[in-house]
N, C-alpha and C. Protein backbone atom coordinates (compact mmCIF):
# COMPACT_ATOMS: atom_id res chain seq x y z
N UNK A 1 0.55 -1.22 0.12
CA UNK A 1 0.13 0.09 -0.40
C UNK A 1 0.62 1.02 -0.26
N UNK A 2 0.47 2.26 -0.59
CA UNK A 2 1.15 3.14 -0.80
C UNK A 2 0.76 4.47 0.56
N UNK A 3 2.02 5.09 0.85
CA UNK A 3 1.88 6.13 1.81
C UNK A 3 0.92 7.14 1.76
N UNK A 4 0.95 7.61 0.27
CA UNK A 4 -0.01 8.41 0.15
C UNK A 4 -1.71 7.95 -0.06
N UNK A 5 -1.74 6.94 -0.34
CA UNK A 5 -3.14 6.39 -0.85
C UNK A 5 -3.39 5.41 0.05
N UNK A 6 -3.64 5.41 1.44
CA UNK A 6 -4.00 4.30 2.58
C UNK A 6 -5.23 3.45 2.09
N UNK A 7 -6.21 3.99 1.05
CA UNK A 7 -6.94 2.86 0.79
C UNK A 7 -6.71 2.28 -0.23
N UNK A 8 -5.83 2.19 -1.07
CA UNK A 8 -5.21 1.66 -2.34
C UNK A 8 -5.26 0.02 -1.93
N UNK A 9 -5.79 -0.58 -2.61
CA UNK A 9 -5.42 -2.28 -2.90
C UNK A 9 -5.39 -2.47 -4.27
N UNK A 10 -4.48 -3.59 -4.78
CA UNK A 10 -4.85 -4.24 -6.10
C UNK A 10 -4.65 -5.71 -5.47
N UNK A 11 -5.26 -6.49 -6.37
CA UNK A 11 -5.10 -8.04 -6.18
C UNK A 11 -5.09 -8.75 -7.53
N UNK A 12 -5.09 -9.55 -7.90
CA UNK A 12 -5.38 -10.80 -8.85
C UNK A 12 -5.93 -11.82 -8.68
N UNK A 13 -6.79 -12.92 -9.53
CA UNK A 13 -6.89 -13.76 -9.19
C UNK A 13 -7.33 -14.65 -10.85
N UNK A 14 -6.79 -16.11 -10.66
CA UNK A 14 -7.23 -16.30 -12.18
C UNK A 14 -9.01 -17.16 -12.00
N UNK A 15 -9.82 -16.77 -12.86
CA UNK A 15 -10.94 -17.46 -12.94
C UNK A 15 -11.32 -17.52 -14.44
N UNK A 16 -11.42 -19.28 -14.89
CA UNK A 16 -11.74 -19.54 -15.85
C UNK A 16 -10.38 -18.99 -16.66
N UNK A 17 -10.17 -18.75 -17.83
CA UNK A 17 -8.94 -18.89 -18.61
C UNK A 17 -8.88 -16.93 -18.54
N UNK A 18 -9.42 -16.08 -17.30
CA UNK A 18 -8.73 -14.75 -17.72
C UNK A 18 -8.36 -14.63 -16.07
N UNK A 19 -7.53 -13.52 -16.36
CA UNK A 19 -7.18 -13.09 -14.75
C UNK A 19 -7.77 -11.78 -14.47
N UNK A 20 -8.20 -11.92 -13.46
CA UNK A 20 -8.82 -10.66 -12.93
C UNK A 20 -8.40 -10.06 -11.81
N UNK A 21 -8.41 -8.75 -12.22
CA UNK A 21 -7.00 -7.77 -11.45
C UNK A 21 -8.20 -6.71 -10.53
N UNK A 22 -8.33 -6.63 -9.46
CA UNK A 22 -8.94 -6.05 -8.78
C UNK A 22 -8.31 -4.68 -7.88
N UNK A 23 -9.00 -3.67 -8.69
CA UNK A 23 -8.40 -2.28 -8.08
C UNK A 23 -9.42 -1.64 -7.23
N UNK A 24 -9.15 -1.08 -6.11
CA UNK A 24 -9.65 -0.66 -5.08
C UNK A 24 -9.05 0.79 -4.66
N UNK A 25 -9.77 1.81 -4.92
CA UNK A 25 -9.40 3.53 -4.04
C UNK A 25 -9.11 4.21 -5.57
N UNK A 26 -8.44 5.28 -5.50
CA UNK A 26 -8.21 5.99 -6.52
C UNK A 26 -7.08 5.10 -7.35
N UNK A 27 -7.18 5.64 -8.84
CA UNK A 27 -6.45 5.38 -9.98
C UNK A 27 -5.85 6.82 -10.33
N UNK A 28 -4.59 7.01 -9.92
CA UNK A 28 -4.29 8.27 -9.94
C UNK A 28 -2.45 8.31 -9.95
N UNK A 29 -1.90 9.53 -10.31
CA UNK A 29 -0.54 9.55 -10.36
C UNK A 29 0.52 8.75 -9.51
N UNK A 30 -0.14 8.21 -8.26
CA UNK A 30 0.59 8.01 -6.82
C UNK A 30 0.38 6.39 -7.02
N UNK A 31 -0.74 6.11 -7.91
CA UNK A 31 -0.94 4.46 -7.96
C UNK A 31 -0.68 3.93 -8.77
N UNK A 32 -0.40 4.70 -10.01
CA UNK A 32 -0.64 4.24 -11.30
C UNK A 32 1.01 3.25 -11.31
N UNK A 33 1.94 3.56 -10.94
CA UNK A 33 3.17 2.72 -10.87
C UNK A 33 2.63 1.33 -10.24
N UNK A 34 2.07 1.06 -9.12
CA UNK A 34 1.83 -0.17 -8.68
C UNK A 34 0.87 -1.09 -9.77
N UNK A 35 -0.12 -0.11 -10.30
CA UNK A 35 -0.91 -0.91 -11.22
C UNK A 35 -0.18 -1.42 -12.67
N UNK A 36 0.95 -0.48 -12.65
CA UNK A 36 1.12 -0.88 -14.25
C UNK A 36 2.53 -2.08 -13.92
N UNK A 37 3.03 -1.81 -12.36
CA UNK A 37 3.69 -3.26 -12.57
C UNK A 37 3.06 -4.40 -12.32
N UNK A 38 1.70 -4.45 -11.36
CA UNK A 38 1.06 -5.50 -11.22
C UNK A 38 0.74 -6.03 -12.18
N UNK A 39 0.00 -5.43 -13.22
CA UNK A 39 -0.74 -5.97 -14.76
C UNK A 39 0.54 -6.45 -15.41
N UNK A 40 1.74 -5.68 -15.67
CA UNK A 40 2.65 -5.87 -16.64
C UNK A 40 3.20 -7.21 -16.07
N UNK A 41 3.14 -7.48 -14.92
CA UNK A 41 3.63 -8.47 -14.44
C UNK A 41 2.90 -9.88 -14.72
N UNK A 42 1.81 -10.05 -14.62
CA UNK A 42 0.64 -10.66 -15.10
C UNK A 42 1.02 -11.09 -16.48
N UNK A 43 1.01 -10.30 -17.43
CA UNK A 43 1.19 -10.04 -18.76
C UNK A 43 2.81 -11.00 -19.03
N UNK A 44 3.34 -10.44 -18.30
CA UNK A 44 4.80 -10.91 -18.74
C UNK A 44 5.04 -12.60 -18.30
N UNK A 45 4.17 -13.05 -17.08
CA UNK A 45 3.75 -14.32 -16.74
C UNK A 45 3.05 -15.30 -17.86
N UNK A 46 2.69 -14.87 -18.88
CA UNK A 46 2.01 -15.28 -20.05
C UNK A 46 0.57 -14.85 -19.89
N UNK A 47 -0.07 -14.43 -19.04
CA UNK A 47 -1.33 -14.09 -19.35
C UNK A 47 -1.99 -13.30 -20.26
N UNK A 48 -2.85 -13.33 -21.01
CA UNK A 48 -3.23 -12.97 -21.94
C UNK A 48 -4.62 -12.37 -21.91
N UNK A 49 -5.50 -12.27 -21.41
CA UNK A 49 -6.95 -12.67 -21.20
C UNK A 49 -7.08 -11.53 -19.88
N UNK A 50 -7.39 -10.38 -19.75
CA UNK A 50 -7.32 -9.56 -18.62
C UNK A 50 -8.51 -9.06 -18.35
N UNK A 51 -9.26 -8.95 -17.32
CA UNK A 51 -10.13 -8.28 -16.99
C UNK A 51 -9.65 -7.07 -15.15
N UNK A 52 -9.62 -5.65 -15.82
CA UNK A 52 -9.49 -4.70 -14.85
C UNK A 52 -10.86 -4.53 -14.06
N UNK A 53 -11.27 -5.11 -13.08
CA UNK A 53 -12.09 -5.01 -12.29
C UNK A 53 -12.25 -3.44 -11.37
N UNK A 54 -12.92 -2.46 -11.89
CA UNK A 54 -13.00 -1.44 -11.37
C UNK A 54 -13.86 -1.08 -10.32
N UNK A 55 -15.09 -1.79 -10.26
CA UNK A 55 -16.29 -1.41 -9.36
C UNK A 55 -16.01 -0.55 -8.07
N UNK A 56 -14.87 -0.72 -7.33
CA UNK A 56 -14.51 -0.20 -6.33
C UNK A 56 -13.26 1.02 -6.00
N UNK A 57 -13.40 1.17 -7.33
CA UNK A 57 -12.54 2.39 -8.01
C UNK A 57 -13.45 3.84 -7.90
N UNK A 58 -12.83 4.99 -7.02
CA UNK A 58 -13.40 5.71 -6.87
C UNK A 58 -13.06 7.14 -8.04
N UNK A 59 -11.74 7.37 -8.23
CA UNK A 59 -11.32 8.28 -8.85
C UNK A 59 -10.26 7.79 -10.11
N UNK A 60 -10.25 8.77 -11.29
CA UNK A 60 -9.43 8.42 -12.02
C UNK A 60 -9.12 9.39 -12.46
N UNK A 61 -7.60 9.61 -12.61
CA UNK A 61 -7.08 10.54 -13.30
C UNK A 61 -6.63 10.46 -14.74
N UNK A 62 -5.77 11.57 -15.15
CA UNK A 62 -5.44 11.37 -16.94
C UNK A 62 -3.86 10.26 -16.69
N UNK A 63 -3.28 9.93 -15.70
CA UNK A 63 -2.44 8.99 -15.76
C UNK A 63 -2.83 8.05 -15.59
N UNK A 64 -4.11 7.77 -14.82
CA UNK A 64 -4.68 6.55 -14.81
C UNK A 64 -5.42 5.86 -16.38
N UNK A 65 -6.36 6.85 -16.85
CA UNK A 65 -6.61 6.68 -18.23
C UNK A 65 -5.30 5.96 -18.95
N UNK A 66 -4.05 6.93 -18.64
CA UNK A 66 -2.89 6.32 -19.77
C UNK A 66 -2.36 5.28 -19.25
N UNK A 67 -2.67 4.50 -18.32
CA UNK A 67 -1.65 3.30 -17.61
C UNK A 67 -2.80 2.60 -18.50
N UNK A 68 -4.05 2.69 -18.20
CA UNK A 68 -4.98 1.84 -19.07
C UNK A 68 -4.62 1.44 -20.48
N UNK A 69 -4.64 2.24 -21.42
CA UNK A 69 -4.16 2.57 -23.07
C UNK A 69 -2.83 1.66 -22.89
N UNK A 70 -1.86 2.47 -21.95
CA UNK A 70 -0.67 1.29 -22.27
C UNK A 70 -0.75 -0.35 -21.85
N UNK A 71 -1.57 -0.34 -21.41
CA UNK A 71 -1.95 -2.11 -20.89
C UNK A 71 -2.34 -2.59 -21.91
N UNK A 72 -3.43 -1.57 -22.50
CA UNK A 72 -4.45 -2.49 -23.47
C UNK A 72 -3.21 -2.35 -24.80
N UNK A 73 -2.26 -1.91 -24.81
CA UNK A 73 -1.24 -1.74 -26.18
C UNK A 73 -0.57 -2.82 -26.12
N UNK A 74 0.14 -2.96 -24.80
CA UNK A 74 0.83 -4.24 -24.51
C UNK A 74 0.54 -5.85 -24.43
N UNK A 75 -1.10 -5.43 -24.24
CA UNK A 75 -1.87 -7.01 -24.30
C UNK A 75 -2.36 -7.13 -26.23
N UNK A 76 -2.76 -5.91 -26.87
CA UNK A 76 -2.70 -6.77 -28.19
C UNK A 76 -1.40 -6.97 -28.83
N UNK A 77 -0.62 -6.25 -28.33
CA UNK A 77 0.97 -6.90 -28.96
C UNK A 77 1.19 -8.52 -28.65
N UNK A 78 0.51 -8.59 -28.16
CA UNK A 78 0.46 -10.15 -27.77
C UNK A 78 -0.92 -11.14 -27.88
N UNK A 79 -1.27 -10.90 -28.77
CA UNK A 79 -2.94 -11.09 -29.31
C UNK A 79 -3.56 -11.50 -28.01
N UNK A 80 -3.33 -10.70 -27.22
CA UNK A 80 -4.44 -10.78 -25.93
C UNK A 80 -5.80 -9.65 -26.02
N UNK A 81 -6.39 -9.72 -25.01
CA UNK A 81 -7.57 -9.19 -24.74
C UNK A 81 -7.83 -8.50 -23.61
N UNK A 82 -8.39 -7.27 -23.13
CA UNK A 82 -8.14 -6.18 -22.34
C UNK A 82 -9.79 -6.09 -21.83
N UNK A 83 -10.67 -6.57 -20.76
CA UNK A 83 -11.91 -5.61 -20.68
C UNK A 83 -11.94 -4.90 -19.38
N UNK A 84 -12.67 -4.52 -19.29
CA UNK A 84 -13.31 -3.30 -17.89
C UNK A 84 -14.21 -3.65 -17.20
N UNK A 85 -14.30 -3.88 -16.27
CA UNK A 85 -15.65 -3.81 -15.20
C UNK A 85 -15.83 -2.15 -14.54
N UNK A 86 -17.10 -1.69 -14.82
CA UNK A 86 -16.98 -0.21 -13.91
C UNK A 86 -18.55 -0.32 -13.82
N UNK A 87 -18.70 0.00 -12.55
CA UNK A 87 -20.31 0.11 -12.01
C UNK A 87 -20.53 1.65 -12.04
N UNK A 88 -19.72 2.17 -11.81
CA UNK A 88 -19.67 3.56 -10.99
C UNK A 88 -20.17 4.75 -12.62
N UNK A 89 -21.24 5.21 -11.87
CA UNK A 89 -21.56 6.02 -13.27
C UNK A 89 -20.88 7.51 -13.28
N UNK A 90 -19.81 7.79 -11.88
CA UNK A 90 -18.95 8.82 -12.13
C UNK A 90 -17.58 8.50 -12.85
N UNK A 91 -17.25 7.10 -12.60
CA UNK A 91 -16.32 6.72 -13.80
C UNK A 91 -16.27 6.39 -15.06
N UNK A 92 -17.45 5.71 -14.76
CA UNK A 92 -17.92 5.34 -16.45
C UNK A 92 -18.13 6.75 -17.40
N UNK A 93 -18.29 8.14 -16.76
CA UNK A 93 -18.65 9.13 -17.35
C UNK A 93 -16.85 9.54 -18.31
N UNK A 94 -15.78 9.29 -17.06
CA UNK A 94 -14.44 9.84 -17.69
C UNK A 94 -14.19 9.02 -18.83
N UNK A 95 -14.78 8.34 -19.11
CA UNK A 95 -14.61 7.39 -20.28
C UNK A 95 -15.55 7.89 -21.50
N UNK A 96 -16.62 8.06 -21.13
CA UNK A 96 -17.27 8.85 -22.00
C UNK A 96 -16.85 10.13 -22.48
N UNK A 97 -16.20 10.92 -21.28
CA UNK A 97 -15.82 12.21 -22.10
C UNK A 97 -14.68 12.20 -22.42
N UNK A 98 -14.15 11.47 -22.37
CA UNK A 98 -12.50 11.07 -22.99
C UNK A 98 -12.26 10.65 -24.20
N UNK A 99 -13.56 10.10 -24.84
CA UNK A 99 -14.16 9.01 -26.14
C UNK A 99 -12.93 7.84 -25.96
N UNK A 100 -13.04 7.36 -24.57
CA UNK A 100 -12.58 6.02 -24.24
C UNK A 100 -13.14 4.90 -24.39
N UNK A 101 -14.65 5.18 -24.39
CA UNK A 101 -15.66 3.92 -24.25
C UNK A 101 -15.51 3.40 -25.36
N UNK A 102 -15.46 3.60 -26.75
CA UNK A 102 -15.34 2.68 -27.65
C UNK A 102 -13.87 2.32 -27.97
N UNK A 103 -12.95 2.47 -26.97
CA UNK A 103 -11.72 1.98 -26.73
C UNK A 103 -11.71 0.66 -26.25
N UNK A 104 -12.29 0.70 -25.15
CA UNK A 104 -12.48 -0.81 -24.29
C UNK A 104 -13.71 -1.06 -24.13
N UNK A 105 -13.72 -2.64 -24.07
CA UNK A 105 -15.10 -3.30 -23.92
C UNK A 105 -15.20 -3.00 -22.31
N UNK A 106 -16.35 -2.43 -21.99
CA UNK A 106 -16.39 -2.12 -20.54
C UNK A 106 -17.90 -2.69 -20.41
N UNK A 107 -17.95 -3.45 -19.31
CA UNK A 107 -18.85 -4.19 -18.74
C UNK A 107 -19.51 -3.48 -17.54
N UNK A 108 -20.86 -4.22 -17.30
CA UNK A 108 -21.56 -3.44 -15.81
C UNK A 108 -21.18 -4.46 -14.31
N UNK A 109 -21.11 -5.86 -15.10
CA UNK A 109 -20.65 -6.94 -13.99
C UNK A 109 -19.71 -7.56 -14.36
N UNK A 110 -18.77 -8.44 -12.98
CA UNK A 110 -17.64 -9.36 -13.28
C UNK A 110 -18.35 -10.43 -14.50
N UNK A 111 -19.52 -10.59 -13.51
CA UNK A 111 -19.81 -12.18 -14.80
C UNK A 111 -19.99 -11.66 -15.88
N UNK A 112 -21.15 -10.72 -16.48
CA UNK A 112 -20.89 -10.17 -17.81
C UNK A 112 -19.74 -10.30 -18.45
N UNK A 113 -18.47 -9.83 -17.96
CA UNK A 113 -17.46 -9.66 -18.54
C UNK A 113 -16.59 -11.03 -18.49
N UNK A 114 -16.78 -11.75 -17.46
CA UNK A 114 -16.48 -13.37 -17.88
C UNK A 114 -17.01 -13.89 -18.66
N UNK A 115 -18.45 -13.86 -19.00
CA UNK A 115 -19.30 -14.91 -19.90
C UNK A 115 -19.49 -14.17 -21.10
N UNK A 116 -19.20 -13.05 -21.16
CA UNK A 116 -19.66 -12.34 -22.73
C UNK A 116 -18.36 -13.46 -23.72
N UNK A 117 -18.96 -13.70 -24.84
CA UNK A 117 -18.16 -14.28 -26.05
C UNK A 117 -17.09 -13.24 -26.43
């Protein structure tokens, strides 16, 4: 945990053939390095299908959006797939306003992200 962000947490688990990365708290300049290291570590281990579970994310700044785009590029270079789960209308609106809504497959629930073809 970061001293600057005491409520920030990141963890992962494998579910079916997906790696689900759960992020809790704020995604900002302070937490982006941890997110990048965590997810890139999974990709480097050979994971190609990743779901970022953002249901407990309370805030995303531009560096957070940038790290998600970077992760997407890295996964696509390896013929992988990245999906986002976003329940918060506030967080979803950030993707709408930045026109990133069409770049990422975004789901309302983890179950939908796991089971969608």
